[in-house]
C-alpha atoms as a PDB file:
ATOM      1  CA  MET A   1     -16.314 117.990 147.282  1.00  0.00           C
ATOM      2  CA  PRO A   2     -17.043 121.710 147.636  1.00  0.00           C
ATOM      3  CA  ASN A   3     -14.784 124.151 149.431  1.00  0.00           C
ATOM      4  CA  VAL A   4     -16.361 124.327 152.871  1.00  0.00           C
ATOM      5  CA  SER A   5     -16.442 127.366 155.144  1.00  0.00           C
ATOM      6  CA  LYS A   6     -17.982 127.734 158.592  1.00  0.00           C
ATOM      7  CA  HIS A   7     -20.573 130.264 159.751  1.00  0.00           C
ATOM      8  CA  ASN A   8     -21.144 130.646 163.490  1.00  0.00           C
ATOM      9  CA  ILE A   9     -24.611 131.081 164.945  1.00  0.00           C
ATOM     10  CA  ASP A  10     -24.840 132.094 168.598  1.00  0.00           C
ATOM     11  CA  GLN A  11     -25.681 129.175 170.900  1.00  0.00           C
ATOM     12  CA  VAL A  12     -25.799 126.841 167.905  1.00  0.00           C
ATOM     13  CA  GLY A  13     -22.230 126.530 166.706  1.00  0.00           C
ATOM     14  CA  ALA A  14     -20.733 126.286 163.252  1.00  0.00           C
ATOM     15  CA  ILE A  15     -22.806 125.806 160.122  1.00  0.00           C
ATOM     16  CA  ALA A  16     -20.832 124.299 157.243  1.00  0.00           C
ATOM     17  CA  TYR A  17     -21.476 125.931 153.879  1.00  0.00           C
ATOM     18  CA  SER A  18     -20.147 126.429 150.382  1.00  0.00           C
ATOM     19  CA  ARG A  19     -20.786 129.606 148.404  1.00  0.00           C
ATOM     20  CA  ASP A  20     -20.014 130.480 144.812  1.00  0.00           C
ATOM     21  CA  HIS A  21     -20.332 134.158 143.949  1.00  0.00           C
ATOM     22  CA  GLY A  22     -22.037 134.989 140.684  1.00  0.00           C
ATOM     23  CA  ASN A  23     -25.000 136.576 138.981  1.00  0.00           C
ATOM     24  CA  GLN A  24     -28.426 137.170 140.439  1.00  0.00           C
ATOM     25  CA  PRO A  25     -30.837 135.671 141.038  1.00  0.00           C
ATOM     26  CA  GLY A  26     -28.827 133.377 143.232  1.00  0.00           C
ATOM     27  CA  VAL A  27     -29.813 129.808 144.007  1.00  0.00           C
ATOM     28  CA  VAL A  28     -29.920 128.337 147.517  1.00  0.00           C
ATOM     29  CA  PHE A  29     -30.180 124.563 147.927  1.00  0.00           C
ATOM     30  CA  LEU A  30     -31.970 123.176 150.991  1.00  0.00           C
ATOM     31  CA  CYS A  31     -31.331 119.493 151.602  1.00  0.00           C
ATOM     32  CA  GLY A  32     -33.593 116.803 152.972  1.00  0.00           C
ATOM     33  CA  HIS A  33     -33.942 115.418 156.494  1.00  0.00           C
ATOM     34  CA  GLY A  34     -30.748 113.628 157.473  1.00  0.00           C
ATOM     35  CA  SER A  35     -29.063 114.543 154.191  1.00  0.00           C
ATOM     36  CA  ASP A  36     -26.314 117.083 153.510  1.00  0.00           C
ATOM     37  CA  MET A  37     -24.963 119.501 150.921  1.00  0.00           C
ATOM     38  CA  ASN A  38     -22.962 116.839 149.065  1.00  0.00           C
ATOM     39  CA  GLY A  39     -25.815 114.895 147.479  1.00  0.00           C
ATOM     40  CA  SER A  40     -26.413 114.401 143.771  1.00  0.00           C
ATOM     41  CA  LYS A  41     -28.995 117.182 143.468  1.00  0.00           C
ATOM     42  CA  ALA A  42     -26.700 119.679 145.200  1.00  0.00           C
ATOM     43  CA  ALA A  43     -23.818 118.658 142.936  1.00  0.00           C
ATOM     44  CA  CYS A  44     -26.030 119.019 139.872  1.00  0.00           C
ATOM     45  CA  LEU A  45     -27.114 122.502 140.920  1.00  0.00           C
ATOM     46  CA  HIS A  46     -23.531 123.522 141.641  1.00  0.00           C
ATOM     47  CA  ALA A  47     -22.439 122.453 138.151  1.00  0.00           C
ATOM     48  CA  TRP A  48     -25.449 124.221 136.617  1.00  0.00           C
ATOM     49  CA  ALA A  49     -24.676 127.434 138.523  1.00  0.00           C
ATOM     50  CA  GLN A  50     -21.035 127.337 137.438  1.00  0.00           C
ATOM     51  CA  ARG A  51     -22.002 126.938 133.785  1.00  0.00           C
ATOM     52  CA  ARG A  52     -24.405 129.868 133.974  1.00  0.00           C
ATOM     53  CA  GLY A  53     -22.343 132.006 136.308  1.00  0.00           C
ATOM     54  CA  GLN A  54     -25.124 132.170 138.903  1.00  0.00           C
ATOM     55  CA  SER A  55     -24.515 132.678 142.602  1.00  0.00           C
ATOM     56  CA  PHE A  56     -25.003 129.429 144.523  1.00  0.00           C
ATOM     57  CA  LEU A  57     -25.206 128.618 148.232  1.00  0.00           C
ATOM     58  CA  ARG A  58     -25.521 125.236 149.895  1.00  0.00           C
ATOM     59  CA  PHE A  59     -25.059 124.305 153.530  1.00  0.00           C
ATOM     60  CA  ASP A  60     -25.708 121.683 156.182  1.00  0.00           C
ATOM     61  CA  TYR A  61     -28.436 122.385 158.723  1.00  0.00           C
ATOM     62  CA  SER A  62     -27.450 122.144 162.382  1.00  0.00           C
ATOM     63  CA  GLY A  63     -27.131 118.491 163.338  1.00  0.00           C
ATOM     64  CA  HIS A  64     -26.490 117.546 159.707  1.00  0.00           C
ATOM     65  CA  GLY A  65     -23.359 116.789 157.716  1.00  0.00           C
ATOM     66  CA  GLN A  66     -20.355 118.856 158.762  1.00  0.00           C
ATOM     67  CA  SER A  67     -22.318 121.334 160.899  1.00  0.00           C
ATOM     68  CA  ASP A  68     -22.346 121.380 164.687  1.00  0.00           C
ATOM     69  CA  GLY A  69     -25.312 120.152 166.677  1.00  0.00           C
ATOM     70  CA  ASP A  70     -27.033 116.939 167.717  1.00  0.00           C
ATOM     71  CA  PHE A  71     -29.309 115.665 164.950  1.00  0.00           C
ATOM     72  CA  LEU A  72     -31.880 114.280 167.397  1.00  0.00           C
ATOM     73  CA  GLN A  73     -32.004 117.537 169.362  1.00  0.00           C
ATOM     74  CA  THR A  74     -32.743 119.801 166.383  1.00  0.00           C
ATOM     75  CA  ASN A  75     -36.050 120.509 164.690  1.00  0.00           C
ATOM     76  CA  ILE A  76     -37.984 122.470 162.051  1.00  0.00           C
ATOM     77  CA  SER A  77     -37.567 125.753 163.922  1.00  0.00           C
ATOM     78  CA  ASP A  78     -33.802 125.233 164.165  1.00  0.00           C
ATOM     79  CA  TRP A  79     -33.386 124.397 160.480  1.00  0.00           C
ATOM     80  CA  THR A  80     -35.556 127.347 159.469  1.00  0.00           C
ATOM     81  CA  ARG A  81     -33.435 129.638 161.649  1.00  0.00           C
ATOM     82  CA  ASP A  82     -30.263 128.220 160.109  1.00  0.00           C
ATOM     83  CA  THR A  83     -31.556 128.908 156.613  1.00  0.00           C
ATOM     84  CA  ILE A  84     -32.671 132.461 157.319  1.00  0.00           C
ATOM     85  CA  ASP A  85     -29.344 133.217 158.989  1.00  0.00           C
ATOM     86  CA  MET A  86     -27.385 131.804 156.058  1.00  0.00           C
ATOM     87  CA  ILE A  87     -29.417 133.731 153.482  1.00  0.00           C
ATOM     88  CA  ASP A  88     -29.072 136.958 155.462  1.00  0.00           C
ATOM     89  CA  ALA A  89     -25.310 136.521 155.875  1.00  0.00           C
ATOM     90  CA  HIS A  90     -24.191 134.873 152.645  1.00  0.00           C
ATOM     91  CA  THR A  91     -26.448 135.961 149.789  1.00  0.00           C
ATOM     92  CA  ASP A  92     -27.205 139.212 148.023  1.00  0.00           C
ATOM     93  CA  GLY A  93     -30.318 140.193 146.146  1.00  0.00           C
ATOM     94  CA  PRO A  94     -33.136 137.895 145.012  1.00  0.00           C
ATOM     95  CA  GLN A  95     -32.791 134.158 145.547  1.00  0.00           C
ATOM     96  CA  ILE A  96     -34.388 131.043 144.113  1.00  0.00           C
ATOM     97  CA  LEU A  97     -34.821 128.507 146.905  1.00  0.00           C
ATOM     98  CA  VAL A  98     -34.601 124.868 145.844  1.00  0.00           C
ATOM     99  CA  GLY A  99     -35.904 122.602 148.579  1.00  0.00           C
ATOM    100  CA  SER A 100     -35.632 118.817 148.556  1.00  0.00           C
ATOM    101  CA  SER A 101     -38.089 116.904 150.773  1.00  0.00           C
ATOM    102  CA  LEU A 102     -37.686 118.583 154.207  1.00  0.00           C
ATOM    103  CA  GLY A 103     -36.054 121.459 152.318  1.00  0.00           C
ATOM    104  CA  GLY A 104     -39.354 121.971 150.521  1.00  0.00           C
ATOM    105  CA  TRP A 105     -40.940 122.689 153.905  1.00  0.00           C
ATOM    106  CA  ILE A 106     -38.109 124.939 155.030  1.00  0.00           C
ATOM    107  CA  MET A 107     -38.318 126.996 151.823  1.00  0.00           C
ATOM    108  CA  LEU A 108     -41.953 127.844 152.608  1.00  0.00           C
ATOM    109  CA  ASN A 109     -41.021 129.027 156.097  1.00  0.00           C
ATOM    110  CA  VAL A 110     -38.258 131.212 154.668  1.00  0.00           C
ATOM    111  CA  ALA A 111     -40.491 132.649 151.941  1.00  0.00           C
ATOM    112  CA  LEU A 112     -42.946 133.712 154.643  1.00  0.00           C
ATOM    113  CA  ALA A 113     -40.199 135.176 156.843  1.00  0.00           C
ATOM    114  CA  ARG A 114     -38.150 136.895 154.105  1.00  0.00           C
ATOM    115  CA  PRO A 115     -40.549 137.659 151.231  1.00  0.00           C
ATOM    116  CA  ALA A 116     -38.373 140.469 149.863  1.00  0.00           C
ATOM    117  CA  ARG A 117     -35.426 138.084 149.393  1.00  0.00           C
ATOM    118  CA  VAL A 118     -37.210 135.150 147.771  1.00  0.00           C
ATOM    119  CA  ALA A 119     -37.743 135.426 144.013  1.00  0.00           C
ATOM    120  CA  ALA A 120     -38.996 131.886 143.333  1.00  0.00           C
ATOM    121  CA  LEU A 121     -39.380 128.443 144.884  1.00  0.00           C
ATOM    122  CA  VAL A 122     -38.603 125.006 143.487  1.00  0.00           C
ATOM    123  CA  GLY A 123     -39.776 122.001 145.473  1.00  0.00           C
ATOM    124  CA  ILE A 124     -38.353 118.537 144.795  1.00  0.00           C
ATOM    125  CA  ALA A 125     -40.598 115.972 146.483  1.00  0.00           C
ATOM    126  CA  ALA A 126     -41.445 118.762 148.920  1.00  0.00           C
ATOM    127  CA  ALA A 127     -42.559 117.420 152.297  1.00  0.00           C
ATOM    128  CA  PRO A 128     -44.327 120.147 154.285  1.00  0.00           C
ATOM    129  CA  ASP A 129     -46.088 118.869 157.408  1.00  0.00           C
ATOM    130  CA  PHE A 130     -44.428 115.444 157.133  1.00  0.00           C
ATOM    131  CA  THR A 131     -44.043 115.218 160.900  1.00  0.00           C
ATOM    132  CA  GLU A 132     -47.809 115.408 161.345  1.00  0.00           C
ATOM    133  CA  ASP A 133     -49.134 113.726 158.201  1.00  0.00           C
ATOM    134  CA  LEU A 134     -46.556 111.004 157.613  1.00  0.00           C
ATOM    135  CA  ILE A 135     -45.231 110.207 161.097  1.00  0.00           C
ATOM    136  CA  TRP A 136     -47.845 111.073 163.718  1.00  0.00           C
ATOM    137  CA  THR A 137     -51.237 110.632 162.048  1.00  0.00           C
ATOM    138  CA  PRO A 138     -50.703 107.061 160.748  1.00  0.00           C
ATOM    139  CA  LEU A 139     -49.905 105.771 164.259  1.00  0.00           C
ATOM    140  CA  ASP A 140     -52.606 104.051 166.282  1.00  0.00           C
ATOM    141  CA  ASP A 141     -53.439 105.261 169.780  1.00  0.00           C
ATOM    142  CA  ALA A 142     -51.136 102.774 171.498  1.00  0.00           C
ATOM    143  CA  ALA A 143     -48.184 103.709 169.290  1.00  0.00           C
ATOM    144  CA  LYS A 144     -48.836 107.415 169.870  1.00  0.00           C
ATOM    145  CA  ALA A 145     -48.897 106.893 173.629  1.00  0.00           C
ATOM    146  CA  ASP A 146     -45.650 104.908 173.512  1.00  0.00           C
ATOM    147  CA  PHE A 147     -44.042 107.575 171.303  1.00  0.00           C
ATOM    148  CA  LYS A 148     -44.918 110.317 173.786  1.00  0.00           C
ATOM    149  CA  ARG A 149     -43.820 108.227 176.767  1.00  0.00           C
ATOM    150  CA  SER A 150     -40.461 107.157 175.336  1.00  0.00           C
ATOM    151  CA  GLY A 151     -39.732 110.449 173.582  1.00  0.00           C
ATOM    152  CA  GLN A 152     -38.818 108.854 170.274  1.00  0.00           C
ATOM    153  CA  ILE A 153     -39.871 106.355 167.644  1.00  0.00           C
ATOM    154  CA  ALA A 154     -37.891 104.128 165.276  1.00  0.00           C
ATOM    155  CA  MET A 155     -39.247 103.790 161.744  1.00  0.00           C
ATOM    156  CA  GLU A 156     -38.095 101.828 158.727  1.00  0.00           C
ATOM    157  CA  ASN A 157     -35.323 103.477 156.746  1.00  0.00           C
ATOM    158  CA  PRO A 158     -35.726 102.886 152.991  1.00  0.00           C
ATOM    159  CA  TYR A 159     -32.074 103.782 152.385  1.00  0.00           C
ATOM    160  CA  ALA A 160     -30.252 101.872 155.138  1.00  0.00           C
ATOM    161  CA  ASP A 161     -30.528  98.818 157.371  1.00  0.00           C
ATOM    162  CA  SER A 162     -30.711 100.885 160.555  1.00  0.00           C
ATOM    163  CA  PRO A 163     -34.032 102.597 161.335  1.00  0.00           C
ATOM    164  CA  VAL A 164     -34.704 106.322 161.284  1.00  0.00           C
ATOM    165  CA  ILE A 165     -35.168 107.737 164.792  1.00  0.00           C
ATOM    166  CA  TYR A 166     -37.659 110.579 165.183  1.00  0.00           C
ATOM    167  CA  PRO A 167     -37.807 112.424 168.533  1.00  0.00           C
ATOM    168  CA  TYR A 168     -41.213 113.431 169.847  1.00  0.00           C
ATOM    169  CA  HIS A 169     -40.132 117.071 170.164  1.00  0.00           C
ATOM    170  CA  LEU A 170     -39.836 117.105 166.345  1.00  0.00           C
ATOM    171  CA  ILE A 171     -43.570 116.389 166.129  1.00  0.00           C
ATOM    172  CA  GLU A 172     -44.389 119.075 168.682  1.00  0.00           C
ATOM    173  CA  ASP A 173     -42.202 121.668 167.002  1.00  0.00           C
ATOM    174  CA  GLY A 174     -43.538 120.810 163.558  1.00  0.00           C
ATOM    175  CA  ARG A 175     -47.020 121.849 164.682  1.00  0.00           C
ATOM    176  CA  GLN A 176     -45.798 125.449 164.841  1.00  0.00           C
ATOM    177  CA  HIS A 177     -45.017 125.338 161.119  1.00  0.00           C
ATOM    178  CA  LEU A 178     -47.844 123.385 159.447  1.00  0.00           C
ATOM    179  CA  ARG A 179     -48.335 124.764 155.918  1.00  0.00           C
ATOM    180  CA  LEU A 180     -51.003 122.593 154.286  1.00  0.00           C
ATOM    181  CA  ARG A 181     -53.893 123.644 156.526  1.00  0.00           C
ATOM    182  CA  ALA A 182     -54.498 127.234 155.368  1.00  0.00           C
ATOM    183  CA  PRO A 183     -53.695 129.588 152.475  1.00  0.00           C
ATOM    184  CA  LEU A 184     -50.053 130.634 152.226  1.00  0.00           C
ATOM    185  CA  PRO A 185     -49.364 134.308 151.403  1.00  0.00           C
ATOM    186  CA  ILE A 186     -46.537 133.442 149.029  1.00  0.00           C
ATOM    187  CA  ASN A 187     -46.740 135.270 145.711  1.00  0.00           C
ATOM    188  CA  VAL A 188     -43.657 134.262 143.734  1.00  0.00           C
ATOM    189  CA  PRO A 189     -43.288 131.703 140.934  1.00  0.00           C
ATOM    190  CA  VAL A 190     -43.343 128.175 142.340  1.00  0.00           C
ATOM    191  CA  ARG A 191     -42.421 124.936 140.603  1.00  0.00           C
ATOM    192  CA  LEU A 192     -43.158 121.636 142.323  1.00  0.00           C
ATOM    193  CA  LEU A 193     -41.454 118.493 140.987  1.00  0.00           C
ATOM    194  CA  HIS A 194     -42.594 115.158 142.369  1.00  0.00           C
ATOM    195  CA  GLY A 195     -42.175 111.512 141.437  1.00  0.00           C
ATOM    196  CA  MET A 196     -45.286 109.358 141.244  1.00  0.00           C
ATOM    197  CA  LYS A 197     -43.288 106.383 142.552  1.00  0.00           C
ATOM    198  CA  ASP A 198     -42.327 108.303 145.688  1.00  0.00           C
ATOM    199  CA  ALA A 199     -42.841 105.830 148.536  1.00  0.00           C
ATOM    200  CA  GLU A 200     -41.904 108.316 151.273  1.00  0.00           C
ATOM    201  CA  VAL A 201     -43.905 111.468 150.449  1.00  0.00           C
ATOM    202  CA  PRO A 202     -47.153 110.939 148.491  1.00  0.00           C
ATOM    203  CA  TRP A 203     -47.183 112.782 145.173  1.00  0.00           C
ATOM    204  CA  GLN A 204     -50.565 114.227 146.137  1.00  0.00           C
ATOM    205  CA  THR A 205     -48.669 116.447 148.597  1.00  0.00           C
ATOM    206  CA  ALA A 206     -47.569 118.616 145.664  1.00  0.00           C
ATOM    207  CA  SER A 207     -51.189 119.184 144.642  1.00  0.00           C
ATOM    208  CA  ARG A 208     -52.185 120.003 148.218  1.00  0.00           C
ATOM    209  CA  LEU A 209     -49.393 122.544 148.457  1.00  0.00           C
ATOM    210  CA  ALA A 210     -50.257 124.131 145.109  1.00  0.00           C
ATOM    211  CA  GLU A 211     -53.827 124.655 146.307  1.00  0.00           C
ATOM    212  CA  GLN A 212     -52.684 126.583 149.386  1.00  0.00           C
ATOM    213  CA  LEU A 213     -50.230 128.913 147.636  1.00  0.00           C
ATOM    214  CA  GLN A 214     -51.645 132.356 146.846  1.00  0.00           C
ATOM    215  CA  SER A 215     -49.350 132.741 143.846  1.00  0.00           C
ATOM    216  CA  GLU A 216     -51.055 132.200 140.510  1.00  0.00           C
ATOM    217  CA  ASP A 217     -47.740 131.247 138.914  1.00  0.00           C
ATOM    218  CA  VAL A 218     -47.565 127.700 140.247  1.00  0.00           C
ATOM    219  CA  ALA A 219     -46.760 124.642 138.154  1.00  0.00           C
ATOM    220  CA  VAL A 220     -46.829 121.059 139.415  1.00  0.00           C
ATOM    221  CA  MET A 221     -44.734 118.604 137.411  1.00  0.00           C
ATOM    222  CA  PHE A 222     -45.096 114.881 137.964  1.00  0.00           C
ATOM    223  CA  ASP A 223     -42.633 112.255 136.766  1.00  0.00           C
ATOM    224  CA  LYS A 224     -44.385 108.911 136.591  1.00  0.00           C
ATOM    225  CA  THR A 225     -41.131 106.972 137.000  1.00  0.00           C
ATOM    226  CA  ALA A 226     -39.401 109.039 139.684  1.00  0.00           C
ATOM    227  CA  THR A 227     -38.928 107.935 143.288  1.00  0.00           C
ATOM    228  CA  HIS A 228     -38.443 110.191 146.298  1.00  0.00           C
ATOM    229  CA  ARG A 229     -34.803 110.762 145.415  1.00  0.00           C
ATOM    230  CA  PHE A 230     -35.707 112.411 142.075  1.00  0.00           C
ATOM    231  CA  SER A 231     -32.071 112.174 141.040  1.00  0.00           C
ATOM    232  CA  GLU A 232     -31.908 110.175 137.815  1.00  0.00           C
ATOM    233  CA  PRO A 233     -30.266 111.999 134.882  1.00  0.00           C
ATOM    234  CA  ARG A 234     -33.608 112.743 133.226  1.00  0.00           C
ATOM    235  CA  GLN A 235     -34.965 114.204 136.444  1.00  0.00           C
ATOM    236  CA  LEU A 236     -31.891 116.329 137.097  1.00  0.00           C
ATOM    237  CA  ALA A 237     -32.120 117.625 133.526  1.00  0.00           C
ATOM    238  CA  GLN A 238     -35.716 118.633 134.216  1.00  0.00           C
ATOM    239  CA  LEU A 239     -34.586 120.476 137.342  1.00  0.00           C
ATOM    240  CA  GLU A 240     -32.014 122.382 135.301  1.00  0.00           C
ATOM    241  CA  ARG A 241     -34.636 123.348 132.706  1.00  0.00           C
ATOM    242  CA  VAL A 242     -36.928 124.634 135.435  1.00  0.00           C
ATOM    243  CA  LEU A 243     -34.141 126.789 136.839  1.00  0.00           C
ATOM    244  CA  ASP A 244     -33.216 128.095 133.382  1.00  0.00           C
ATOM    245  CA  GLU A 245     -36.824 129.165 132.912  1.00  0.00           C
ATOM    246  CA  LEU A 246     -37.047 130.836 136.304  1.00  0.00           C
ATOM    247  CA  VAL A 247     -33.790 132.763 135.900  1.00  0.00           C
ATOM    248  CA  THR A 248     -35.024 134.107 132.549  1.00  0.00           C
ATOM    249  CA  LEU A 249     -38.420 134.966 134.016  1.00  0.00           C
ATOM    250  CA  ILE A 250     -36.947 136.772 137.019  1.00  0.00           C
ATOM    251  CA  ALA A 251     -34.517 138.713 134.828  1.00  0.00           C
ATOM    252  CA  LYS A 252     -37.453 139.959 132.733  1.00  0.00           C
ATOM    253  CA  THR A 253     -39.507 141.022 135.740  1.00  0.00           C
ATOM    254  CA  SER A 254     -36.592 142.490 137.724  1.00  0.00           C
ATOM    255  CA  PRO A 255     -34.807 144.930 135.395  1.00  0.00           C
ATOM    256  CA  ALA A 256     -32.202 145.794 138.046  1.00  0.00           C
ATOM    257  CA  ILE A 257     -30.706 142.286 137.841  1.00  0.00           C
END
């Protein structure tokens, strides 16, 4: 378990985080929806950063893990705000954002809001627009009407017996942040890793995202055996190789580092 500190955000409460100081570029890990900073990918990145001596930040969004907040009352805007606040307060210099699932959506929002701070992006089964494309759109008219009327919907949880509850305000808020509908003025190196056995977020999402990014340094990497978790040893080793490459690339293009 990492050493956990708390960062207070006005009218939000405490955000739990763990920071290791080190070399730039730093790495910031952004977890998935309903996950936290203690998962296998976060642990892998922490060990990688320690070996290399890189700065590393991980944290729990509001409503997640050890942070304050009600999970069902928070949304994409809240988690984007959390991330920007944490980067502003607890990192220095250029950062590589590594976003898993929901985190792959949040990293895009942050890259648009803080372009001077973001040196590269790594998406792991990145799920931009999932609220619209994967929750709302597949529903028939009757289910949509019931969702709006009740204010929430229960959907099958592939990782637990209890269903996942999605509040309707999450759908409404997500529409302010849709990223697959128009070109994205993001011009840093981007690496998108996605498993072709991902049953939660279609692997084609990575291709759709690559098409919208303005950057010409975009690589999409598919693993034919990987699921949405993308956390088998071979897949984590691939993630480490991608980060090694990006750190070297950024060091060459940013002489001040």
